[in-house]
Amino acid sequence: MKIEGHGMKVTKHDKKPLGDNRKTRVCPYFEKPLLKKLKRISKAIDKSPPETLLEIAEVFLNHPEWVKYIQRKHLVDPDDPLYVQPKIENGQVIY
């Protein structure tokens, strides 16, 4: 660890692993009723709220009908170049 300046900035110079192991933090803000539901289901399945959200995201993002539904809901034109057309190849959803 290297301390720069007058103790105001601490930087760590360890190399991070490359490849698919990189993770990006996503921090949504929830209204209280939704947060209450998340905490309740997390407690029921004995997982932390972030673990529960990750599992929910994996299920929905790997479900072609949900991907199509969310785009229809937000009026994404199927001819739009950003439109996501999920396909199933070798038992996995790709897009």
C-alpha atoms as a PDB file:
ATOM      1  CA  MET A   1       0.000   0.000   0.000  1.00  0.00           C
ATOM      2  CA  LYS A   2       1.265   3.479  -0.802  1.00  0.00           C
ATOM      3  CA  ILE A   3       0.189   6.593   1.032  1.00  0.00           C
ATOM      4  CA  GLU A   4       0.380   9.795  -0.994  1.00  0.00           C
ATOM      5  CA  GLY A   5       0.246  13.379   0.206  1.00  0.00           C
ATOM      6  CA  HIS A   6      -0.595  14.142   3.803  1.00  0.00           C
ATOM      7  CA  GLY A   7      -2.533  10.959   4.520  1.00  0.00           C
ATOM      8  CA  MET A   8      -5.467  12.063   2.426  1.00  0.00           C
ATOM      9  CA  LYS A   9      -5.173   9.506  -0.349  1.00  0.00           C
ATOM     10  CA  VAL A  10      -4.470   5.814   0.054  1.00  0.00           C
ATOM     11  CA  THR A  11      -3.855   3.768  -3.073  1.00  0.00           C
ATOM     12  CA  LYS A  12      -3.327   0.062  -3.373  1.00  0.00           C
ATOM     13  CA  HIS A  13      -1.069  -1.134  -6.165  1.00  0.00           C
ATOM     14  CA  ASP A  14      -2.049  -4.795  -6.328  1.00  0.00           C
ATOM     15  CA  LYS A  15      -2.743  -6.182  -9.772  1.00  0.00           C
ATOM     16  CA  LYS A  16      -6.345  -7.197 -10.328  1.00  0.00           C
ATOM     17  CA  PRO A  17      -7.154 -10.444 -12.135  1.00  0.00           C
ATOM     18  CA  LEU A  18      -8.020 -10.110 -15.799  1.00  0.00           C
ATOM     19  CA  GLY A  19     -10.714 -11.919 -17.693  1.00  0.00           C
ATOM     20  CA  ASP A  20     -14.234 -12.872 -16.703  1.00  0.00           C
ATOM     21  CA  ASN A  21     -13.549 -12.537 -12.976  1.00  0.00           C
ATOM     22  CA  ARG A  22     -14.067  -8.783 -13.014  1.00  0.00           C
ATOM     23  CA  LYS A  23     -17.190  -7.621 -11.241  1.00  0.00           C
ATOM     24  CA  THR A  24     -18.996  -4.291 -11.442  1.00  0.00           C
ATOM     25  CA  ARG A  25     -20.784  -2.894  -8.431  1.00  0.00           C
ATOM     26  CA  VAL A  26     -24.373  -1.892  -9.090  1.00  0.00           C
ATOM     27  CA  CYS A  27     -26.092  -0.101  -6.237  1.00  0.00           C
ATOM     28  CA  PRO A  28     -29.789   0.472  -6.872  1.00  0.00           C
ATOM     29  CA  TYR A  29     -31.824   2.614  -4.509  1.00  0.00           C
ATOM     30  CA  PHE A  30     -35.065   1.004  -3.403  1.00  0.00           C
ATOM     31  CA  GLU A  31     -38.289   2.484  -2.142  1.00  0.00           C
ATOM     32  CA  LYS A  32     -39.063   1.195   1.361  1.00  0.00           C
ATOM     33  CA  PRO A  33     -41.808  -1.292   0.326  1.00  0.00           C
ATOM     34  CA  LEU A  34     -39.546  -2.916  -2.263  1.00  0.00           C
ATOM     35  CA  LEU A  35     -36.592  -3.025   0.132  1.00  0.00           C
ATOM     36  CA  LYS A  36     -38.820  -4.660   2.742  1.00  0.00           C
ATOM     37  CA  LYS A  37     -39.775  -7.373   0.231  1.00  0.00           C
ATOM     38  CA  LEU A  38     -36.141  -7.915  -0.744  1.00  0.00           C
ATOM     39  CA  LYS A  39     -35.052  -8.248   2.883  1.00  0.00           C
ATOM     40  CA  ARG A  40     -37.910 -10.629   3.650  1.00  0.00           C
ATOM     41  CA  ILE A  41     -37.208 -12.982   0.739  1.00  0.00           C
ATOM     42  CA  SER A  42     -33.458 -12.789   1.457  1.00  0.00           C
ATOM     43  CA  LYS A  43     -34.033 -13.825   5.047  1.00  0.00           C
ATOM     44  CA  ALA A  44     -36.365 -16.639   3.950  1.00  0.00           C
ATOM     45  CA  ILE A  45     -33.726 -18.133   1.634  1.00  0.00           C
ATOM     46  CA  ASP A  46     -30.861 -17.395   4.044  1.00  0.00           C
ATOM     47  CA  LYS A  47     -28.942 -15.132   1.654  1.00  0.00           C
ATOM     48  CA  SER A  48     -27.856 -11.511   1.825  1.00  0.00           C
ATOM     49  CA  PRO A  49     -29.858  -8.950  -0.183  1.00  0.00           C
ATOM     50  CA  PRO A  50     -27.014  -8.525  -2.742  1.00  0.00           C
ATOM     51  CA  GLU A  51     -26.824 -12.322  -3.230  1.00  0.00           C
ATOM     52  CA  THR A  52     -30.593 -12.418  -3.676  1.00  0.00           C
ATOM     53  CA  LEU A  53     -30.501  -9.599  -6.237  1.00  0.00           C
ATOM     54  CA  LEU A  54     -27.748 -11.357  -8.156  1.00  0.00           C
ATOM     55  CA  GLU A  55     -29.814 -14.536  -8.314  1.00  0.00           C
ATOM     56  CA  ILE A  56     -32.905 -12.595  -9.431  1.00  0.00           C
ATOM     57  CA  ALA A  57     -30.885 -10.826 -12.150  1.00  0.00           C
ATOM     58  CA  GLU A  58     -29.421 -14.128 -13.385  1.00  0.00           C
ATOM     59  CA  VAL A  59     -32.893 -15.677 -13.656  1.00  0.00           C
ATOM     60  CA  PHE A  60     -34.484 -12.733 -15.451  1.00  0.00           C
ATOM     61  CA  LEU A  61     -31.597 -11.930 -17.794  1.00  0.00           C
ATOM     62  CA  ASN A  62     -31.429 -15.573 -18.849  1.00  0.00           C
ATOM     63  CA  HIS A  63     -35.159 -15.826 -19.562  1.00  0.00           C
ATOM     64  CA  PRO A  64     -35.903 -14.864 -23.207  1.00  0.00           C
ATOM     65  CA  GLU A  65     -39.551 -14.029 -22.580  1.00  0.00           C
ATOM     66  CA  TRP A  66     -38.667 -11.578 -19.823  1.00  0.00           C
ATOM     67  CA  VAL A  67     -36.057  -9.903 -22.039  1.00  0.00           C
ATOM     68  CA  LYS A  68     -38.717  -9.462 -24.737  1.00  0.00           C
ATOM     69  CA  TYR A  69     -41.312  -8.301 -22.186  1.00  0.00           C
ATOM     70  CA  ILE A  70     -39.140  -5.557 -20.681  1.00  0.00           C
ATOM     71  CA  GLN A  71     -38.358  -4.206 -24.145  1.00  0.00           C
ATOM     72  CA  ARG A  72     -42.052  -4.212 -25.135  1.00  0.00           C
ATOM     73  CA  LYS A  73     -42.902  -2.456 -21.857  1.00  0.00           C
ATOM     74  CA  HIS A  74     -40.419   0.321 -22.668  1.00  0.00           C
ATOM     75  CA  LEU A  75     -41.529   0.494 -26.315  1.00  0.00           C
ATOM     76  CA  VAL A  76     -38.228  -0.587 -27.843  1.00  0.00           C
ATOM     77  CA  ASP A  77     -38.797  -1.023 -31.569  1.00  0.00           C
ATOM     78  CA  PRO A  78     -37.686  -4.474 -32.783  1.00  0.00           C
ATOM     79  CA  ASP A  79     -36.023  -2.694 -35.727  1.00  0.00           C
ATOM     80  CA  ASP A  80     -33.932  -0.574 -33.348  1.00  0.00           C
ATOM     81  CA  PRO A  81     -30.236  -1.552 -33.582  1.00  0.00           C
ATOM     82  CA  LEU A  82     -30.114  -1.735 -29.766  1.00  0.00           C
ATOM     83  CA  TYR A  83     -33.031  -4.182 -29.585  1.00  0.00           C
ATOM     84  CA  VAL A  84     -31.904  -7.389 -27.843  1.00  0.00           C
ATOM     85  CA  GLN A  85     -32.995 -10.592 -29.582  1.00  0.00           C
ATOM     86  CA  PRO A  86     -32.234 -13.448 -27.170  1.00  0.00           C
ATOM     87  CA  LYS A  87     -31.380 -16.840 -28.657  1.00  0.00           C
ATOM     88  CA  ILE A  88     -30.913 -20.220 -27.039  1.00  0.00           C
ATOM     89  CA  GLU A  89     -27.757 -22.051 -28.093  1.00  0.00           C
ATOM     90  CA  ASN A  90     -26.531 -25.194 -26.380  1.00  0.00           C
ATOM     91  CA  GLY A  91     -29.053 -24.674 -23.603  1.00  0.00           C
ATOM     92  CA  GLN A  92     -27.803 -21.138 -22.831  1.00  0.00           C
ATOM     93  CA  VAL A  93     -29.429 -17.799 -23.566  1.00  0.00           C
ATOM     94  CA  ILE A  94     -27.184 -15.513 -25.572  1.00  0.00           C
ATOM     95  CA  TYR A  95     -27.571 -12.005 -26.896  1.00  0.00           C
END
